[in-house]
Amino acid sequence: MGVVCLTVADLASSIEYYERAVGLRIHERSGERARLGAGGEDLLVLVEQPGARPVRGYCGLYHFALLLPQRADLAGWLAHAAREQVPLVGMSDHFVSEAVYLTDPDGHGIEIYWDRPRDVWEGKVAERMTTLPLDAPGLLGELADPRNEPFGGLPSKTTMGHVHLCVADIPATVVFYRDVLGFGLMASLGSHAAFLSAGDYHHHLGANTWESAGASQPPSGTAALRCATVLLPSELERDRALTRLADAGVEPRLGERGAMVHDPSGNPILLVAAEAQR
């Protein structure tokens, strides 16, 4: 997964939050738009729409997930969050990963996580991926002194590990992402949630109907997902995906940044050849 683009109500306030609380930094700011990351590729684009309102109960973003390289990195971030009194909304052990959840000022969900080694969970995702309480003391035990552990922001190798979407219908979502775009279905929770990936990762895309079954896209004037980016390994693979979309009756909108499509719930997905970004 690549950059996620979001509408925010107050760009200055959002930048302050993502720098102070999350540990991202500005890569570029121009007018009402800012690009943020951890020093490598852009991870987040924020676009200001003054007065945009947080919403729930619609399709769109459930959360975007920043993947840290090591368990100690997550421990360092959690120690920082405790010192800065950053409000959290959850901490979970998913067997495949350990994760901490928070929400930005516009109601956009954020996950910060690290993956357990692949040989722990590969081939077991459907059976073992779960949600259990996080062993926070054990996690902080990675640090010599959590109270005084320095924090200089998220590590430069932080990536967009996955994106979790609110959708109207799981079967239609699976058909689109698995049968048309070509992701593998790694796990599902009946008609309520599905987790899909490329290369047998535990999931690059999550989808659920917990708050959005049968729902539409959020109304104008709200803080919403503007797009989530799927990086394909080459222009050839992107073109193959576009052919499958055309065969399925989906009309992409081609632009300089890539091909924009909408999933069956109307969620905007930008398809980009990774080699074109280099």
Protein backbone atom coordinates (compact mmCIF):
# COMPACT_ATOMS: atom_id res chain seq x y z
CA MET A 1 0.00 0.00 0.00
CA GLY A 2 1.07 3.55 -0.69
CA VAL A 3 0.06 7.03 0.35
CA VAL A 4 -3.35 7.68 1.93
CA CYS A 5 -5.02 11.02 1.23
CA LEU A 6 -7.50 12.54 3.72
CA THR A 7 -9.65 15.63 4.07
CA VAL A 8 -9.07 17.60 7.27
CA ALA A 9 -10.81 20.65 8.70
CA ASP A 10 -7.74 22.57 9.90
CA LEU A 11 -4.42 21.76 8.25
CA ALA A 12 -2.26 23.48 10.86
CA SER A 13 -3.92 21.60 13.71
CA SER A 14 -3.66 18.29 11.86
CA ILE A 15 0.02 18.80 11.09
CA GLU A 16 0.68 19.61 14.75
CA TYR A 17 -1.11 16.40 15.77
CA TYR A 18 0.69 14.17 13.30
CA GLU A 19 4.07 15.64 14.21
CA ARG A 20 3.62 15.70 18.01
CA ALA A 21 1.39 12.69 18.67
CA VAL A 22 2.17 10.31 15.80
CA GLY A 23 5.75 11.25 15.01
CA LEU A 24 5.48 11.96 11.28
CA ARG A 25 7.09 15.00 9.73
CA ILE A 26 6.27 17.32 6.86
CA HIS A 27 7.84 16.43 3.53
CA GLU A 28 6.16 19.27 1.67
CA ARG A 29 3.45 21.85 2.30
CA SER A 30 1.74 23.95 -0.34
CA GLY A 31 -1.41 25.97 0.30
CA GLU A 32 -4.15 23.73 1.64
CA ARG A 33 -2.18 20.51 1.11
CA ALA A 34 0.62 18.81 3.08
CA ARG A 35 2.57 15.63 2.46
CA LEU A 36 3.88 13.77 5.50
CA GLY A 37 6.04 10.74 6.13
CA ALA A 38 8.93 9.41 8.17
CA GLY A 39 11.67 10.64 5.87
CA GLY A 40 11.26 8.13 3.04
CA GLU A 41 8.24 7.86 0.75
CA ASP A 42 5.20 10.00 1.49
CA LEU A 43 2.76 8.13 3.72
CA LEU A 44 -0.03 10.65 4.18
CA VAL A 45 -1.46 13.58 2.26
CA LEU A 46 -3.73 15.99 4.13
CA VAL A 47 -6.01 18.35 2.23
CA GLU A 48 -7.73 21.15 4.11
CA GLN A 49 -11.44 21.80 3.71
CA PRO A 50 -12.36 24.36 6.37
CA GLY A 51 -15.32 23.26 8.46
CA ALA A 52 -15.18 19.61 7.36
CA ARG A 53 -17.05 17.52 9.93
CA PRO A 54 -16.09 14.11 11.32
CA VAL A 55 -18.60 11.40 10.38
CA ARG A 56 -19.37 7.80 11.28
CA GLY A 57 -21.73 5.25 9.82
CA TYR A 58 -20.66 5.72 6.21
CA CYS A 59 -18.31 3.89 3.88
CA GLY A 60 -14.75 5.15 3.77
CA LEU A 61 -11.71 4.84 5.99
CA TYR A 62 -11.78 2.64 9.09
CA HIS A 63 -8.09 3.19 9.71
CA PHE A 64 -4.76 3.43 7.97
CA ALA A 65 -1.93 1.43 9.52
CA LEU A 66 1.68 2.53 9.89
CA LEU A 67 4.03 -0.47 10.05
CA LEU A 68 7.15 -0.05 12.19
CA PRO A 69 10.25 -2.17 11.55
CA GLN A 70 10.87 -3.57 15.05
CA ARG A 71 9.02 -4.34 18.28
CA ALA A 72 11.30 -1.88 20.08
CA ASP A 73 10.06 0.85 17.72
CA LEU A 74 6.47 0.22 18.79
CA ALA A 75 7.57 0.16 22.43
CA GLY A 76 9.31 3.49 21.96
CA TRP A 77 6.24 4.98 20.36
CA LEU A 78 3.97 3.73 23.15
CA ALA A 79 6.31 5.19 25.80
CA HIS A 80 6.20 8.50 23.92
CA ALA A 81 2.38 8.38 23.75
CA ALA A 82 2.20 7.77 27.50
CA ARG A 83 4.52 10.69 28.28
CA GLU A 84 2.66 13.01 25.91
CA GLN A 85 -0.74 11.76 27.11
CA VAL A 86 -1.81 10.96 23.57
CA PRO A 87 -5.39 9.58 23.74
CA LEU A 88 -5.60 5.98 22.56
CA VAL A 89 -8.69 4.03 21.50
CA GLY A 90 -7.28 0.51 21.75
CA MET A 91 -4.27 -1.80 22.09
CA SER A 92 -4.41 -5.30 20.62
CA ASP A 93 -2.45 -8.46 20.03
CA HIS A 94 -3.53 -9.90 16.67
CA PHE A 95 -1.15 -12.91 16.73
CA VAL A 96 0.30 -11.69 13.42
CA SER A 97 1.12 -8.32 14.96
CA GLU A 98 0.89 -6.04 17.98
CA ALA A 99 -1.01 -2.81 17.44
CA VAL A 100 -1.99 0.46 19.07
CA TYR A 101 -4.97 2.49 17.84
CA LEU A 102 -5.78 6.19 17.98
CA THR A 103 -7.94 8.75 16.21
CA ASP A 104 -6.87 12.07 14.73
CA PRO A 105 -8.73 15.37 15.32
CA ASP A 106 -11.00 14.73 12.31
CA GLY A 107 -12.01 11.23 13.39
CA HIS A 108 -9.67 9.39 11.00
CA GLY A 109 -8.58 6.07 12.48
CA ILE A 110 -4.88 5.27 12.85
CA GLU A 111 -3.12 2.01 13.69
CA ILE A 112 0.55 1.87 14.62
CA TYR A 113 1.93 -1.67 14.64
CA TRP A 114 4.79 -4.09 14.11
CA ASP A 115 4.64 -7.54 12.58
CA ARG A 116 5.76 -10.67 14.34
CA PRO A 117 8.27 -12.61 12.19
CA ARG A 118 6.64 -14.04 9.12
CA ASP A 119 7.49 -17.64 10.02
CA VAL A 120 5.30 -17.26 13.13
CA TRP A 121 2.10 -16.65 11.18
CA GLU A 122 2.60 -17.51 7.50
CA GLY A 123 0.04 -20.09 6.43
CA LYS A 124 -1.92 -19.62 9.67
CA VAL A 125 -3.59 -16.26 9.10
CA ALA A 126 -7.14 -17.53 8.61
CA GLU A 127 -6.97 -19.75 11.70
CA ARG A 128 -4.92 -17.62 14.06
CA MET A 129 -5.38 -13.90 13.35
CA THR A 130 -7.38 -12.62 16.32
CA THR A 131 -7.88 -9.69 18.68
CA LEU A 132 -6.60 -10.12 22.23
CA PRO A 133 -5.49 -7.55 24.82
CA LEU A 134 -1.99 -6.21 24.20
CA ASP A 135 0.65 -7.08 26.78
CA ALA A 136 1.65 -3.44 27.21
CA PRO A 137 4.06 -4.07 30.14
CA GLY A 138 5.75 -6.79 28.12
CA LEU A 139 6.02 -4.47 25.14
CA LEU A 140 7.50 -1.64 27.21
CA GLY A 141 9.94 -4.20 28.61
CA GLU A 142 11.76 -3.88 25.28
CA LEU A 143 13.08 -0.55 26.61
CA ALA A 144 15.66 -0.02 29.31
CA ASP A 145 13.83 3.01 30.72
CA PRO A 146 10.41 3.74 29.14
CA ARG A 147 10.00 6.96 31.16
CA ASN A 148 13.08 8.49 29.58
CA GLU A 149 13.36 6.70 26.24
CA PRO A 150 14.15 9.37 23.62
CA PHE A 151 11.66 9.73 20.77
CA GLY A 152 12.69 11.46 17.58
CA GLY A 153 9.70 10.49 15.47
CA LEU A 154 8.77 7.34 13.60
CA PRO A 155 11.70 5.43 12.08
CA SER A 156 12.57 6.17 8.48
CA LYS A 157 11.67 2.62 7.39
CA THR A 158 8.04 3.07 8.50
CA THR A 159 5.65 2.05 5.71
CA MET A 160 1.93 2.07 5.01
CA GLY A 161 1.38 -1.51 6.15
CA HIS A 162 -2.32 -1.78 5.37
CA VAL A 163 -5.53 0.15 4.94
CA HIS A 164 -8.81 -0.93 6.53
CA LEU A 165 -12.01 0.26 4.88
CA CYS A 166 -15.63 0.62 5.92
CA VAL A 167 -17.74 -1.00 3.19
CA ALA A 168 -21.41 -1.58 2.45
CA ASP A 169 -21.20 -5.28 1.59
CA ILE A 170 -18.48 -7.88 2.12
CA PRO A 171 -19.25 -10.34 -0.74
CA ALA A 172 -19.18 -7.55 -3.34
CA THR A 173 -15.97 -6.19 -1.79
CA VAL A 174 -14.28 -9.60 -1.98
CA VAL A 175 -15.29 -10.01 -5.62
CA PHE A 176 -13.77 -6.63 -6.47
CA TYR A 177 -10.48 -6.90 -4.60
CA ARG A 178 -9.89 -10.64 -5.08
CA ASP A 179 -11.46 -11.54 -8.41
CA VAL A 180 -10.86 -8.26 -10.24
CA LEU A 181 -7.82 -6.57 -8.72
CA GLY A 182 -6.16 -9.87 -7.81
CA PHE A 183 -5.60 -9.80 -4.05
CA GLY A 184 -5.72 -13.06 -2.12
CA LEU A 185 -8.40 -13.57 0.52
CA MET A 186 -6.47 -14.32 3.72
CA ALA A 187 -9.25 -14.41 6.32
CA SER A 188 -12.90 -13.54 6.72
CA LEU A 189 -15.42 -13.08 9.49
CA GLY A 190 -18.56 -14.25 7.75
CA SER A 191 -20.40 -11.40 6.08
CA HIS A 192 -18.91 -8.81 8.45
CA ALA A 193 -15.22 -8.50 7.58
CA ALA A 194 -12.55 -9.67 5.15
CA PHE A 195 -8.77 -9.37 4.99
CA LEU A 196 -6.93 -9.49 1.67
CA SER A 197 -3.32 -9.27 0.58
CA ALA A 198 -0.68 -9.72 -2.08
CA GLY A 199 2.20 -12.15 -1.61
CA ASP A 200 0.55 -14.00 1.31
CA TYR A 201 0.99 -11.08 3.70
CA HIS A 202 -1.57 -11.23 6.52
CA HIS A 203 -3.45 -8.28 5.01
CA HIS A 204 -2.84 -5.20 2.93
CA LEU A 205 -6.55 -4.42 2.81
CA GLY A 206 -9.16 -4.91 5.51
CA ALA A 207 -12.86 -4.32 5.02
CA ASN A 208 -15.76 -4.42 7.44
CA THR A 209 -19.46 -3.58 7.68
CA TRP A 210 -19.51 -3.07 11.47
CA GLU A 211 -20.76 0.52 11.14
CA SER A 212 -21.44 0.75 7.41
CA ALA A 213 -23.61 -2.16 6.24
CA GLY A 214 -25.65 -0.89 3.28
CA ALA A 215 -24.26 2.62 3.73
CA SER A 216 -23.21 5.20 1.15
CA GLN A 217 -20.18 7.44 0.91
CA PRO A 218 -20.11 10.33 3.42
CA PRO A 219 -21.80 13.57 2.37
CA SER A 220 -19.87 16.57 1.07
CA GLY A 221 -18.38 18.84 3.67
CA THR A 222 -17.07 15.97 5.79
CA ALA A 223 -13.60 14.73 6.71
CA ALA A 224 -13.38 11.73 4.42
CA LEU A 225 -11.00 9.41 2.63
CA ARG A 226 -9.88 11.03 -0.62
CA CYS A 227 -7.99 7.95 -1.80
CA ALA A 228 -5.93 4.97 -0.73
CA THR A 229 -3.07 3.96 -3.00
CA VAL A 230 -2.35 0.43 -4.20
CA LEU A 231 1.20 0.06 -5.50
CA LEU A 232 1.60 -2.45 -8.30
CA PRO A 233 5.12 -3.72 -9.00
CA SER A 234 5.30 -2.55 -12.62
CA GLU A 235 3.43 -0.70 -15.34
CA LEU A 236 2.74 -4.09 -16.92
CA GLU A 237 0.96 -5.30 -13.78
CA ARG A 238 -0.96 -2.04 -13.54
CA ASP A 239 -2.10 -2.39 -17.14
CA ARG A 240 -3.19 -5.98 -16.49
CA ALA A 241 -5.23 -4.76 -13.52
CA LEU A 242 -6.80 -2.06 -15.69
CA THR A 243 -7.74 -4.69 -18.27
CA ARG A 244 -9.43 -6.82 -15.61
CA LEU A 245 -11.29 -3.76 -14.37
CA ALA A 246 -12.49 -2.94 -17.89
CA ASP A 247 -13.64 -6.54 -18.36
CA ALA A 248 -15.62 -6.19 -15.12
CA GLY A 249 -17.25 -2.99 -16.35
CA VAL A 250 -15.26 -0.66 -14.08
CA GLU A 251 -14.12 2.54 -15.76
CA PRO A 252 -10.85 3.91 -14.30
CA ARG A 253 -10.09 7.63 -14.42
CA LEU A 254 -6.56 8.02 -15.70
CA GLY A 255 -4.42 10.86 -14.42
CA GLU A 256 -0.80 11.89 -13.92
CA ARG A 257 -0.60 10.14 -10.54
CA GLY A 258 -2.22 6.87 -11.61
CA ALA A 259 -5.59 5.31 -12.32
CA MET A 260 -8.43 6.12 -9.94
CA VAL A 261 -11.14 3.52 -9.47
CA HIS A 262 -13.94 3.09 -6.95
CA ASP A 263 -14.76 -0.14 -5.20
CA PRO A 264 -18.41 -1.31 -4.93
CA SER A 265 -18.86 0.86 -1.82
CA GLY A 266 -17.54 3.94 -3.64
CA ASN A 267 -14.18 3.97 -1.83
CA PRO A 268 -11.57 5.71 -4.03
CA ILE A 269 -8.53 3.58 -4.84
CA LEU A 270 -5.54 4.92 -6.78
CA LEU A 271 -3.61 2.30 -8.75
CA VAL A 272 0.03 3.27 -9.23
CA ALA A 273 2.98 1.45 -10.79
CA ALA A 274 5.61 1.51 -8.05
CA GLU A 275 8.43 1.83 -10.57
CA ALA A 276 6.85 5.07 -11.81
CA GLN A 277 7.24 6.59 -8.34
CA ARG A 278 10.99 6.11 -8.18
